[in-house]
Amino acid sequence: MTALGTAPPPPRDEPLLAIACPGCHAALAAPAGGPARCPLCLSGFMVPAAPRPRPAAAAEAKDEAEIRRLSREERAVRRGRRNMVMLFSGVFVLMALVLILGTRRARRRR
């Protein structure tokens, strides 16, 4: 029993989702996949089902497969971007070297 004389609610097996009330936009935690009622504005709404977690190995394999399946056009676009980045970084490094290591010729006085 708690200090107010009421028993704590029993633990729930279904996961709680952090959602916003569609009526007043209050932050709520509600059980997934069922009806809920906002305690502030008393509007009722349905809570979506909890997303199923993907196994980590399957998720990584899917990401690798998507990378391998790049179309010819996507590969050409990525190659073009990579070439532009390399060109600009090369020009930047060259300019920095010229500014840092550049020498001034001494003028001879007659």
PDB file of N, CA and C in Angstrom:
ATOM      1  N   MET A   1       0.840  -1.198   0.000  1.00  0.00           N
ATOM      2  CA  MET A   1       0.000   0.000   0.000  1.00  0.00           C
ATOM      3  C   MET A   1       0.871   1.243   0.000  1.00  0.00           C
ATOM      4  N   THR A   2       0.387   2.240  -0.691  1.00  0.00           N
ATOM      5  CA  THR A   2       1.114   3.510  -0.732  1.00  0.00           C
ATOM      6  C   THR A   2       0.635   4.403   0.400  1.00  0.00           C
ATOM      7  N   ALA A   3       1.181   5.610   0.462  1.00  0.00           N
ATOM      8  CA  ALA A   3       0.852   6.534   1.543  1.00  0.00           C
ATOM      9  C   ALA A   3      -0.616   6.954   1.500  1.00  0.00           C
ATOM     10  N   LEU A   4      -1.225   6.961   0.317  1.00  0.00           N
ATOM     11  CA  LEU A   4      -2.616   7.389   0.211  1.00  0.00           C
ATOM     12  C   LEU A   4      -3.593   6.245   0.483  1.00  0.00           C
ATOM     13  N   GLY A   5      -3.091   5.044   0.710  1.00  0.00           N
ATOM     14  CA  GLY A   5      -3.964   3.927   1.017  1.00  0.00           C
ATOM     15  C   GLY A   5      -4.437   3.182  -0.221  1.00  0.00           C
ATOM     16  N   THR A   6      -3.846   3.427  -1.358  1.00  0.00           N
ATOM     17  CA  THR A   6      -4.224   2.698  -2.564  1.00  0.00           C
ATOM     18  C   THR A   6      -3.072   1.799  -2.984  1.00  0.00           C
ATOM     19  N   ALA A   7      -3.392   0.710  -3.584  1.00  0.00           N
ATOM     20  CA  ALA A   7      -2.377  -0.232  -4.040  1.00  0.00           C
ATOM     21  C   ALA A   7      -1.801   0.252  -5.359  1.00  0.00           C
ATOM     22  N   PRO A   8      -0.525   0.021  -5.608  1.00  0.00           N
ATOM     23  CA  PRO A   8       0.052   0.412  -6.900  1.00  0.00           C
ATOM     24  C   PRO A   8      -0.549  -0.446  -8.005  1.00  0.00           C
ATOM     25  N   PRO A   9      -0.613   0.089  -9.219  1.00  0.00           N
ATOM     26  CA  PRO A   9      -1.194  -0.686 -10.311  1.00  0.00           C
ATOM     27  C   PRO A   9      -0.326  -1.904 -10.621  1.00  0.00           C
ATOM     28  N   PRO A  10      -0.934  -2.992 -11.077  1.00  0.00           N
ATOM     29  CA  PRO A  10      -0.145  -4.180 -11.386  1.00  0.00           C
ATOM     30  C   PRO A  10       0.751  -3.918 -12.597  1.00  0.00           C
ATOM     31  N   PRO A  11       1.897  -4.590 -12.665  1.00  0.00           N
ATOM     32  CA  PRO A  11       2.790  -4.375 -13.809  1.00  0.00           C
ATOM     33  C   PRO A  11       2.131  -4.866 -15.099  1.00  0.00           C
ATOM     34  N   ARG A  12       2.383  -4.146 -16.192  1.00  0.00           N
ATOM     35  CA  ARG A  12       1.772  -4.482 -17.473  1.00  0.00           C
ATOM     36  C   ARG A  12       2.788  -5.221 -18.339  1.00  0.00           C
ATOM     37  N   ASP A  13       2.272  -6.161 -19.132  1.00  0.00           N
ATOM     38  CA  ASP A  13       3.135  -6.893 -20.044  1.00  0.00           C
ATOM     39  C   ASP A  13       3.324  -6.143 -21.350  1.00  0.00           C
ATOM     40  N   GLU A  14       2.323  -5.367 -21.776  1.00  0.00           N
ATOM     41  CA  GLU A  14       2.437  -4.648 -23.042  1.00  0.00           C
ATOM     42  C   GLU A  14       3.323  -3.415 -22.847  1.00  0.00           C
ATOM     43  N   PRO A  15       4.091  -3.063 -23.887  1.00  0.00           N
ATOM     44  CA  PRO A  15       4.998  -1.914 -23.762  1.00  0.00           C
ATOM     45  C   PRO A  15       4.229  -0.601 -23.777  1.00  0.00           C
ATOM     46  N   LEU A  16       4.801   0.391 -23.134  1.00  0.00           N
ATOM     47  CA  LEU A  16       4.231   1.736 -23.144  1.00  0.00           C
ATOM     48  C   LEU A  16       4.917   2.545 -24.239  1.00  0.00           C
ATOM     49  N   LEU A  17       4.119   3.316 -24.952  1.00  0.00           N
ATOM     50  CA  LEU A  17       4.644   4.186 -25.993  1.00  0.00           C
ATOM     51  C   LEU A  17       4.548   5.636 -25.541  1.00  0.00           C
ATOM     52  N   ALA A  18       5.548   6.416 -25.859  1.00  0.00           N
ATOM     53  CA  ALA A  18       5.509   7.850 -25.613  1.00  0.00           C
ATOM     54  C   ALA A  18       4.812   8.486 -26.813  1.00  0.00           C
ATOM     55  N   ILE A  19       3.658   9.078 -26.583  1.00  0.00           N
ATOM     56  CA  ILE A  19       2.867   9.669 -27.664  1.00  0.00           C
ATOM     57  C   ILE A  19       2.378  11.039 -27.241  1.00  0.00           C
ATOM     58  N   ALA A  20       1.832  11.769 -28.177  1.00  0.00           N
ATOM     59  CA  ALA A  20       1.245  13.081 -27.909  1.00  0.00           C
ATOM     60  C   ALA A  20      -0.265  12.962 -28.073  1.00  0.00           C
ATOM     61  N   CYS A  21      -1.001  13.585 -27.191  1.00  0.00           N
ATOM     62  CA  CYS A  21      -2.453  13.585 -27.281  1.00  0.00           C
ATOM     63  C   CYS A  21      -2.868  14.361 -28.529  1.00  0.00           C
ATOM     64  N   PRO A  22      -3.762  13.796 -29.360  1.00  0.00           N
ATOM     65  CA  PRO A  22      -4.168  14.525 -30.564  1.00  0.00           C
ATOM     66  C   PRO A  22      -5.006  15.763 -30.261  1.00  0.00           C
ATOM     67  N   GLY A  23      -5.601  15.831 -29.064  1.00  0.00           N
ATOM     68  CA  GLY A  23      -6.443  16.980 -28.717  1.00  0.00           C
ATOM     69  C   GLY A  23      -5.662  18.158 -28.162  1.00  0.00           C
ATOM     70  N   CYS A  24      -4.811  17.877 -27.157  1.00  0.00           N
ATOM     71  CA  CYS A  24      -4.103  18.982 -26.481  1.00  0.00           C
ATOM     72  C   CYS A  24      -2.590  18.897 -26.645  1.00  0.00           C
ATOM     73  N   HIS A  25      -2.074  17.895 -27.330  1.00  0.00           N
ATOM     74  CA  HIS A  25      -0.655  17.702 -27.606  1.00  0.00           C
ATOM     75  C   HIS A  25       0.167  17.501 -26.337  1.00  0.00           C
ATOM     76  N   ALA A  26      -0.440  16.971 -25.302  1.00  0.00           N
ATOM     77  CA  ALA A  26       0.288  16.669 -24.072  1.00  0.00           C
ATOM     78  C   ALA A  26       1.076  15.382 -24.265  1.00  0.00           C
ATOM     79  N   ALA A  27       2.235  15.287 -23.641  1.00  0.00           N
ATOM     80  CA  ALA A  27       3.055  14.081 -23.719  1.00  0.00           C
ATOM     81  C   ALA A  27       2.473  13.034 -22.790  1.00  0.00           C
ATOM     82  N   LEU A  28       2.235  11.837 -23.346  1.00  0.00           N
ATOM     83  CA  LEU A  28       1.629  10.755 -22.580  1.00  0.00           C
ATOM     84  C   LEU A  28       2.409   9.475 -22.782  1.00  0.00           C
ATOM     85  N   ALA A  29       2.262   8.557 -21.832  1.00  0.00           N
ATOM     86  CA  ALA A  29       2.761   7.185 -21.976  1.00  0.00           C
ATOM     87  C   ALA A  29       1.535   6.297 -21.904  1.00  0.00           C
ATOM     88  N   ALA A  30       1.265   5.572 -22.993  1.00  0.00           N
ATOM     89  CA  ALA A  30       0.062   4.752 -23.067  1.00  0.00           C
ATOM     90  C   ALA A  30       0.433   3.364 -23.550  1.00  0.00           C
ATOM     91  N   PRO A  31      -0.346   2.344 -23.140  1.00  0.00           N
ATOM     92  CA  PRO A  31      -0.071   0.997 -23.626  1.00  0.00           C
ATOM     93  C   PRO A  31      -0.281   0.922 -25.130  1.00  0.00           C
ATOM     94  N   ALA A  32       0.584   0.180 -25.790  1.00  0.00           N
ATOM     95  CA  ALA A  32       0.557   0.089 -27.243  1.00  0.00           C
ATOM     96  C   ALA A  32      -0.619  -0.741 -27.726  1.00  0.00           C
ATOM     97  N   GLY A  33      -1.187  -0.327 -28.852  1.00  0.00           N
ATOM     98  CA  GLY A  33      -2.199  -1.116 -29.531  1.00  0.00           C
ATOM     99  C   GLY A  33      -3.558  -1.148 -28.871  1.00  0.00           C
ATOM    100  N   GLY A  34      -4.043  -0.047 -28.394  1.00  0.00           N
ATOM    101  CA  GLY A  34      -5.365  -0.042 -27.778  1.00  0.00           C
ATOM    102  C   GLY A  34      -5.897   1.360 -27.579  1.00  0.00           C
ATOM    103  N   PRO A  35      -7.098   1.461 -27.018  1.00  0.00           N
ATOM    104  CA  PRO A  35      -7.662   2.787 -26.768  1.00  0.00           C
ATOM    105  C   PRO A  35      -6.998   3.448 -25.566  1.00  0.00           C
ATOM    106  N   ALA A  36      -6.981   4.769 -25.582  1.00  0.00           N
ATOM    107  CA  ALA A  36      -6.430   5.538 -24.462  1.00  0.00           C
ATOM    108  C   ALA A  36      -7.234   6.819 -24.315  1.00  0.00           C
ATOM    109  N   ARG A  37      -7.139   7.417 -23.136  1.00  0.00           N
ATOM    110  CA  ARG A  37      -7.828   8.664 -22.854  1.00  0.00           C
ATOM    111  C   ARG A  37      -6.834   9.609 -22.204  1.00  0.00           C
ATOM    112  N   CYS A  38      -6.806  10.837 -22.689  1.00  0.00           N
ATOM    113  CA  CYS A  38      -5.911  11.850 -22.138  1.00  0.00           C
ATOM    114  C   CYS A  38      -6.443  12.298 -20.779  1.00  0.00           C
ATOM    115  N   PRO A  39      -5.618  12.319 -19.743  1.00  0.00           N
ATOM    116  CA  PRO A  39      -6.080  12.756 -18.430  1.00  0.00           C
ATOM    117  C   PRO A  39      -6.289  14.271 -18.341  1.00  0.00           C
ATOM    118  N   LEU A  40      -5.735  15.028 -19.283  1.00  0.00           N
ATOM    119  CA  LEU A  40      -5.863  16.483 -19.232  1.00  0.00           C
ATOM    120  C   LEU A  40      -7.111  16.984 -19.950  1.00  0.00           C
ATOM    121  N   CYS A  41      -7.294  16.552 -21.213  1.00  0.00           N
ATOM    122  CA  CYS A  41      -8.433  17.060 -21.985  1.00  0.00           C
ATOM    123  C   CYS A  41      -9.551  16.024 -22.132  1.00  0.00           C
ATOM    124  N   LEU A  42      -9.336  14.820 -21.642  1.00  0.00           N
ATOM    125  CA  LEU A  42     -10.307  13.725 -21.648  1.00  0.00           C
ATOM    126  C   LEU A  42     -10.721  13.278 -23.043  1.00  0.00           C
ATOM    127  N   SER A  43      -9.893  13.547 -24.048  1.00  0.00           N
ATOM    128  CA  SER A  43     -10.224  13.060 -25.380  1.00  0.00           C
ATOM    129  C   SER A  43      -9.726  11.626 -25.524  1.00  0.00           C
ATOM    130  N   GLY A  44     -10.517  10.808 -26.188  1.00  0.00           N
ATOM    131  CA  GLY A  44     -10.150   9.418 -26.405  1.00  0.00           C
ATOM    132  C   GLY A  44      -9.531   9.241 -27.783  1.00  0.00           C
ATOM    133  N   PHE A  45      -8.598   8.306 -27.895  1.00  0.00           N
ATOM    134  CA  PHE A  45      -7.932   8.041 -29.165  1.00  0.00           C
ATOM    135  C   PHE A  45      -7.356   6.643 -29.127  1.00  0.00           C
ATOM    136  N   MET A  46      -6.966   6.149 -30.289  1.00  0.00           N
ATOM    137  CA  MET A  46      -6.351   4.832 -30.406  1.00  0.00           C
ATOM    138  C   MET A  46      -4.828   4.979 -30.451  1.00  0.00           C
ATOM    139  N   VAL A  47      -4.151   4.150 -29.705  1.00  0.00           N
ATOM    140  CA  VAL A  47      -2.691   4.141 -29.688  1.00  0.00           C
ATOM    141  C   VAL A  47      -2.232   3.087 -30.691  1.00  0.00           C
ATOM    142  N   PRO A  48      -1.295   3.428 -31.571  1.00  0.00           N
ATOM    143  CA  PRO A  48      -0.832   2.434 -32.550  1.00  0.00           C
ATOM    144  C   PRO A  48      -0.089   1.294 -31.874  1.00  0.00           C
ATOM    145  N   ALA A  49       0.011   0.184 -32.580  1.00  0.00           N
ATOM    146  CA  ALA A  49       0.738  -0.969 -32.061  1.00  0.00           C
ATOM    147  C   ALA A  49       2.227  -0.646 -31.994  1.00  0.00           C
ATOM    148  N   ALA A  50       2.903  -1.303 -31.076  1.00  0.00           N
ATOM    149  CA  ALA A  50       4.344  -1.076 -30.910  1.00  0.00           C
ATOM    150  C   ALA A  50       5.091  -1.660 -32.096  1.00  0.00           C
ATOM    151  N   PRO A  51       6.088  -0.942 -32.582  1.00  0.00           N
ATOM    152  CA  PRO A  51       6.870  -1.480 -33.694  1.00  0.00           C
ATOM    153  C   PRO A  51       7.684  -2.687 -33.237  1.00  0.00           C
ATOM    154  N   ARG A  52       7.773  -3.679 -34.107  1.00  0.00           N
ATOM    155  CA  ARG A  52       8.554  -4.868 -33.770  1.00  0.00           C
ATOM    156  C   ARG A  52      10.032  -4.586 -34.011  1.00  0.00           C
ATOM    157  N   PRO A  53      10.881  -4.889 -33.058  1.00  0.00           N
ATOM    158  CA  PRO A  53      12.314  -4.654 -33.265  1.00  0.00           C
ATOM    159  C   PRO A  53      12.874  -5.646 -34.273  1.00  0.00           C
ATOM    160  N   ARG A  54      13.730  -5.134 -35.164  1.00  0.00           N
ATOM    161  CA  ARG A  54      14.375  -5.999 -36.132  1.00  0.00           C
ATOM    162  C   ARG A  54      15.620  -6.608 -35.506  1.00  0.00           C
ATOM    163  N   PRO A  55      15.904  -7.838 -35.818  1.00  0.00           N
ATOM    164  CA  PRO A  55      17.169  -8.405 -35.333  1.00  0.00           C
ATOM    165  C   PRO A  55      18.338  -7.616 -35.910  1.00  0.00           C
ATOM    166  N   ALA A  56      19.369  -7.443 -35.125  1.00  0.00           N
ATOM    167  CA  ALA A  56      20.497  -6.615 -35.538  1.00  0.00           C
ATOM    168  C   ALA A  56      21.196  -7.188 -36.764  1.00  0.00           C
ATOM    169  N   ALA A  57      21.376  -8.479 -36.812  1.00  0.00           N
ATOM    170  CA  ALA A  57      22.077  -9.077 -37.947  1.00  0.00           C
ATOM    171  C   ALA A  57      21.276  -8.903 -39.230  1.00  0.00           C
ATOM    172  N   ALA A  58      19.967  -9.069 -39.147  1.00  0.00           N
ATOM    173  CA  ALA A  58      19.127  -8.914 -40.335  1.00  0.00           C
ATOM    174  C   ALA A  58      19.137  -7.463 -40.808  1.00  0.00           C
ATOM    175  N   ALA A  59      19.143  -6.514 -39.871  1.00  0.00           N
ATOM    176  CA  ALA A  59      19.158  -5.102 -40.237  1.00  0.00           C
ATOM    177  C   ALA A  59      20.470  -4.748 -40.937  1.00  0.00           C
ATOM    178  N   GLU A  60      21.589  -5.244 -40.425  1.00  0.00           N
ATOM    179  CA  GLU A  60      22.877  -4.955 -41.052  1.00  0.00           C
ATOM    180  C   GLU A  60      22.965  -5.589 -42.433  1.00  0.00           C
ATOM    181  N   ALA A  61      22.461  -6.809 -42.567  1.00  0.00           N
ATOM    182  CA  ALA A  61      22.496  -7.481 -43.863  1.00  0.00           C
ATOM    183  C   ALA A  61      21.636  -6.735 -44.875  1.00  0.00           C
ATOM    184  N   LYS A  62      20.499  -6.217 -44.429  1.00  0.00           N
ATOM    185  CA  LYS A  62      19.627  -5.478 -45.326  1.00  0.00           C
ATOM    186  C   LYS A  62      20.301  -4.182 -45.779  1.00  0.00           C
ATOM    187  N   ASP A  63      20.975  -3.485 -44.852  1.00  0.00           N
ATOM    188  CA  ASP A  63      21.678  -2.253 -45.216  1.00  0.00           C
ATOM    189  C   ASP A  63      22.796  -2.536 -46.226  1.00  0.00           C
ATOM    190  N   GLU A  64      23.545  -3.616 -46.012  1.00  0.00           N
ATOM    191  CA  GLU A  64      24.611  -3.950 -46.951  1.00  0.00           C
ATOM    192  C   GLU A  64      24.047  -4.300 -48.320  1.00  0.00           C
ATOM    193  N   ALA A  65      22.919  -5.008 -48.330  1.00  0.00           N
ATOM    194  CA  ALA A  65      22.302  -5.373 -49.602  1.00  0.00           C
ATOM    195  C   ALA A  65      21.821  -4.131 -50.346  1.00  0.00           C
ATOM    196  N   GLU A  66      21.294  -3.140 -49.618  1.00  0.00           N
ATOM    197  CA  GLU A  66      20.846  -1.904 -50.259  1.00  0.00           C
ATOM    198  C   GLU A  66      22.022  -1.144 -50.856  1.00  0.00           C
ATOM    199  N   ILE A  67      23.154  -1.154 -50.176  1.00  0.00           N
ATOM    200  CA  ILE A  67      24.333  -0.468 -50.686  1.00  0.00           C
ATOM    201  C   ILE A  67      24.821  -1.158 -51.966  1.00  0.00           C
ATOM    202  N   ARG A  68      24.791  -2.480 -51.988  1.00  0.00           N
ATOM    203  CA  ARG A  68      25.239  -3.215 -53.171  1.00  0.00           C
ATOM    204  C   ARG A  68      24.326  -3.010 -54.361  1.00  0.00           C
ATOM    205  N   ARG A  69      23.046  -2.732 -54.087  1.00  0.00           N
ATOM    206  CA  ARG A  69      22.063  -2.619 -55.159  1.00  0.00           C
ATOM    207  C   ARG A  69      21.967  -1.220 -55.744  1.00  0.00           C
ATOM    208  N   LEU A  70      22.962  -0.413 -55.564  1.00  0.00           N
ATOM    209  CA  LEU A  70      22.912   0.929 -56.121  1.00  0.00           C
ATOM    210  C   LEU A  70      22.873   0.850 -57.646  1.00  0.00           C
ATOM    211  N   SER A  71      22.058   1.643 -58.217  1.00  0.00           N
ATOM    212  CA  SER A  71      21.961   1.640 -59.675  1.00  0.00           C
ATOM    213  C   SER A  71      23.183   2.309 -60.290  1.00  0.00           C
ATOM    214  N   ARG A  72      23.332   2.155 -61.578  1.00  0.00           N
ATOM    215  CA  ARG A  72      24.464   2.737 -62.293  1.00  0.00           C
ATOM    216  C   ARG A  72      24.452   4.255 -62.176  1.00  0.00           C
ATOM    217  N   GLU A  73      23.259   4.851 -62.245  1.00  0.00           N
ATOM    218  CA  GLU A  73      23.158   6.311 -62.144  1.00  0.00           C
ATOM    219  C   GLU A  73      23.569   6.803 -60.758  1.00  0.00           C
ATOM    220  N   GLU A  74      23.141   6.082 -59.714  1.00  0.00           N
ATOM    221  CA  GLU A  74      23.487   6.494 -58.350  1.00  0.00           C
ATOM    222  C   GLU A  74      24.996   6.396 -58.127  1.00  0.00           C
ATOM    223  N   ARG A  75      25.607   5.340 -58.672  1.00  0.00           N
ATOM    224  CA  ARG A  75      27.056   5.212 -58.540  1.00  0.00           C
ATOM    225  C   ARG A  75      27.775   6.342 -59.268  1.00  0.00           C
ATOM    226  N   ALA A  76      27.265   6.728 -60.437  1.00  0.00           N
ATOM    227  CA  ALA A  76      27.882   7.824 -61.186  1.00  0.00           C
ATOM    228  C   ALA A  76      27.754   9.138 -60.429  1.00  0.00           C
ATOM    229  N   VAL A  77      26.610   9.375 -59.808  1.00  0.00           N
ATOM    230  CA  VAL A  77      26.413  10.600 -59.036  1.00  0.00           C
ATOM    231  C   VAL A  77      27.361  10.630 -57.849  1.00  0.00           C
ATOM    232  N   ARG A  78      27.478   9.495 -57.142  1.00  0.00           N
ATOM    233  CA  ARG A  78      28.385   9.453 -55.994  1.00  0.00           C
ATOM    234  C   ARG A  78      29.837   9.644 -56.425  1.00  0.00           C
ATOM    235  N   ARG A  79      30.203   9.037 -57.548  1.00  0.00           N
ATOM    236  CA  ARG A  79      31.564   9.186 -58.042  1.00  0.00           C
ATOM    237  C   ARG A  79      31.837  10.642 -58.400  1.00  0.00           C
ATOM    238  N   GLY A  80      30.856  11.313 -59.029  1.00  0.00           N
ATOM    239  CA  GLY A  80      31.021  12.722 -59.378  1.00  0.00           C
ATOM    240  C   GLY A  80      31.179  13.602 -58.149  1.00  0.00           C
ATOM    241  N   ARG A  81      30.391  13.332 -57.133  1.00  0.00           N
ATOM    242  CA  ARG A  81      30.513  14.114 -55.888  1.00  0.00           C
ATOM    243  C   ARG A  81      31.866  13.890 -55.240  1.00  0.00           C
ATOM    244  N   ARG A  82      32.296  12.620 -55.212  1.00  0.00           N
ATOM    245  CA  ARG A  82      33.587  12.306 -54.604  1.00  0.00           C
ATOM    246  C   ARG A  82      34.708  13.008 -55.368  1.00  0.00           C
ATOM    247  N   ASN A  83      34.626  13.021 -56.705  1.00  0.00           N
ATOM    248  CA  ASN A  83      35.650  13.697 -57.504  1.00  0.00           C
ATOM    249  C   ASN A  83      35.674  15.195 -57.229  1.00  0.00           C
ATOM    250  N   MET A  84      34.508  15.808 -57.094  1.00  0.00           N
ATOM    251  CA  MET A  84      34.457  17.247 -56.808  1.00  0.00           C
ATOM    252  C   MET A  84      35.054  17.550 -55.433  1.00  0.00           C
ATOM    253  N   VAL A  85      34.746  16.738 -54.455  1.00  0.00           N
ATOM    254  CA  VAL A  85      35.295  16.951 -53.112  1.00  0.00           C
ATOM    255  C   VAL A  85      36.811  16.822 -53.146  1.00  0.00           C
ATOM    256  N   MET A  86      37.315  15.818 -53.858  1.00  0.00           N
ATOM    257  CA  MET A  86      38.761  15.640 -53.946  1.00  0.00           C
ATOM    258  C   MET A  86      39.416  16.812 -54.687  1.00  0.00           C
ATOM    259  N   LEU A  87      38.776  17.306 -55.734  1.00  0.00           N
ATOM    260  CA  LEU A  87      39.312  18.448 -56.479  1.00  0.00           C
ATOM    261  C   LEU A  87      39.388  19.683 -55.591  1.00  0.00           C
ATOM    262  N   PHE A  88      38.308  20.000 -54.889  1.00  0.00           N
ATOM    263  CA  PHE A  88      38.300  21.186 -54.031  1.00  0.00           C
ATOM    264  C   PHE A  88      39.282  21.053 -52.882  1.00  0.00           C
ATOM    265  N   SER A  89      39.392  19.870 -52.297  1.00  0.00           N
ATOM    266  CA  SER A  89      40.338  19.725 -51.196  1.00  0.00           C
ATOM    267  C   SER A  89      41.774  19.817 -51.706  1.00  0.00           C
ATOM    268  N   GLY A  90      42.036  19.304 -52.898  1.00  0.00           N
ATOM    269  CA  GLY A  90      43.372  19.434 -53.461  1.00  0.00           C
ATOM    270  C   GLY A  90      43.732  20.881 -53.742  1.00  0.00           C
ATOM    271  N   VAL A  91      42.795  21.636 -54.320  1.00  0.00           N
ATOM    272  CA  VAL A  91      43.037  23.059 -54.588  1.00  0.00           C
ATOM    273  C   VAL A  91      43.253  23.812 -53.287  1.00  0.00           C
ATOM    274  N   PHE A  92      42.483  23.488 -52.275  1.00  0.00           N
ATOM    275  CA  PHE A  92      42.622  24.148 -50.980  1.00  0.00           C
ATOM    276  C   PHE A  92      44.008  23.883 -50.378  1.00  0.00           C
ATOM    277  N   VAL A  93      44.448  22.638 -50.416  1.00  0.00           N
ATOM    278  CA  VAL A  93      45.760  22.293 -49.866  1.00  0.00           C
ATOM    279  C   VAL A  93      46.861  22.989 -50.656  1.00  0.00           C
ATOM    280  N   LEU A  94      46.737  23.001 -51.970  1.00  0.00           N
ATOM    281  CA  LEU A  94      47.740  23.669 -52.804  1.00  0.00           C
ATOM    282  C   LEU A  94      47.811  25.159 -52.492  1.00  0.00           C
ATOM    283  N   MET A  95      46.659  25.813 -52.356  1.00  0.00           N
ATOM    284  CA  MET A  95      46.646  27.248 -52.023  1.00  0.00           C
ATOM    285  C   MET A  95      47.251  27.495 -50.654  1.00  0.00           C
ATOM    286  N   ALA A  96      46.941  26.610 -49.704  1.00  0.00           N
ATOM    287  CA  ALA A  96      47.508  26.768 -48.363  1.00  0.00           C
ATOM    288  C   ALA A  96      49.027  26.631 -48.404  1.00  0.00           C
ATOM    289  N   LEU A  97      49.537  25.673 -49.168  1.00  0.00           N
ATOM    290  CA  LEU A  97      50.984  25.507 -49.275  1.00  0.00           C
ATOM    291  C   LEU A  97      51.642  26.716 -49.926  1.00  0.00           C
ATOM    292  N   VAL A  98      51.020  27.246 -50.955  1.00  0.00           N
ATOM    293  CA  VAL A  98      51.582  28.424 -51.616  1.00  0.00           C
ATOM    294  C   VAL A  98      51.604  29.606 -50.662  1.00  0.00           C
ATOM    295  N   LEU A  99      50.541  29.796 -49.913  1.00  0.00           N
ATOM    296  CA  LEU A  99      50.510  30.921 -48.976  1.00  0.00           C
ATOM    297  C   LEU A  99      51.493  30.741 -47.831  1.00  0.00           C
ATOM    298  N   ILE A 100      51.645  29.509 -47.352  1.00  0.00           N
ATOM    299  CA  ILE A 100      52.537  29.275 -46.207  1.00  0.00           C
ATOM    300  C   ILE A 100      53.992  29.256 -46.645  1.00  0.00           C
ATOM    301  N   LEU A 101      54.288  28.551 -47.721  1.00  0.00           N
ATOM    302  CA  LEU A 101      55.673  28.349 -48.118  1.00  0.00           C
ATOM    303  C   LEU A 101      56.140  29.300 -49.212  1.00  0.00           C
ATOM    304  N   GLY A 102      55.252  30.136 -49.695  1.00  0.00           N
ATOM    305  CA  GLY A 102      55.639  31.061 -50.767  1.00  0.00           C
ATOM    306  C   GLY A 102      56.735  31.994 -50.316  1.00  0.00           C
ATOM    307  N   THR A 103      57.642  32.267 -51.212  1.00  0.00           N
ATOM    308  CA  THR A 103      58.750  33.159 -50.866  1.00  0.00           C
ATOM    309  C   THR A 103      58.645  34.427 -51.692  1.00  0.00           C
ATOM    310  N   ARG A 104      59.129  35.488 -51.112  1.00  0.00           N
ATOM    311  CA  ARG A 104      59.184  36.768 -51.814  1.00  0.00           C
ATOM    312  C   ARG A 104      60.611  36.987 -52.254  1.00  0.00           C
ATOM    313  N   ARG A 105      60.739  37.386 -53.468  1.00  0.00           N
ATOM    314  CA  ARG A 105      62.079  37.666 -53.950  1.00  0.00           C
ATOM    315  C   ARG A 105      62.507  39.037 -53.446  1.00  0.00           C
ATOM    316  N   ALA A 106      63.694  39.078 -53.010  1.00  0.00           N
ATOM    317  CA  ALA A 106      64.221  40.352 -52.508  1.00  0.00           C
ATOM    318  C   ALA A 106      64.558  41.244 -53.694  1.00  0.00           C
ATOM    319  N   ARG A 107      64.147  42.490 -53.604  1.00  0.00           N
ATOM    320  CA  ARG A 107      64.454  43.438 -54.683  1.00  0.00           C
ATOM    321  C   ARG A 107      65.865  43.983 -54.461  1.00  0.00           C
ATOM    322  N   ARG A 108      66.567  44.048 -55.529  1.00  0.00           N
ATOM    323  CA  ARG A 108      67.914  44.599 -55.424  1.00  0.00           C
ATOM    324  C   ARG A 108      67.849  46.097 -55.632  1.00  0.00           C
ATOM    325  N   ARG A 109      68.537  46.792 -54.799  1.00  0.00           N
ATOM    326  CA  ARG A 109      68.608  48.229 -54.928  1.00  0.00           C
ATOM    327  C   ARG A 109      69.801  48.601 -55.794  1.00  0.00           C
ATOM    328  N   ARG A 110      69.597  49.506 -56.664  1.00  0.00           N
ATOM    329  CA  ARG A 110      70.704  49.931 -57.533  1.00  0.00           C
ATOM    330  C   ARG A 110      71.391  51.127 -56.977  1.00  0.00           C
TER     331      ARG A 110
END
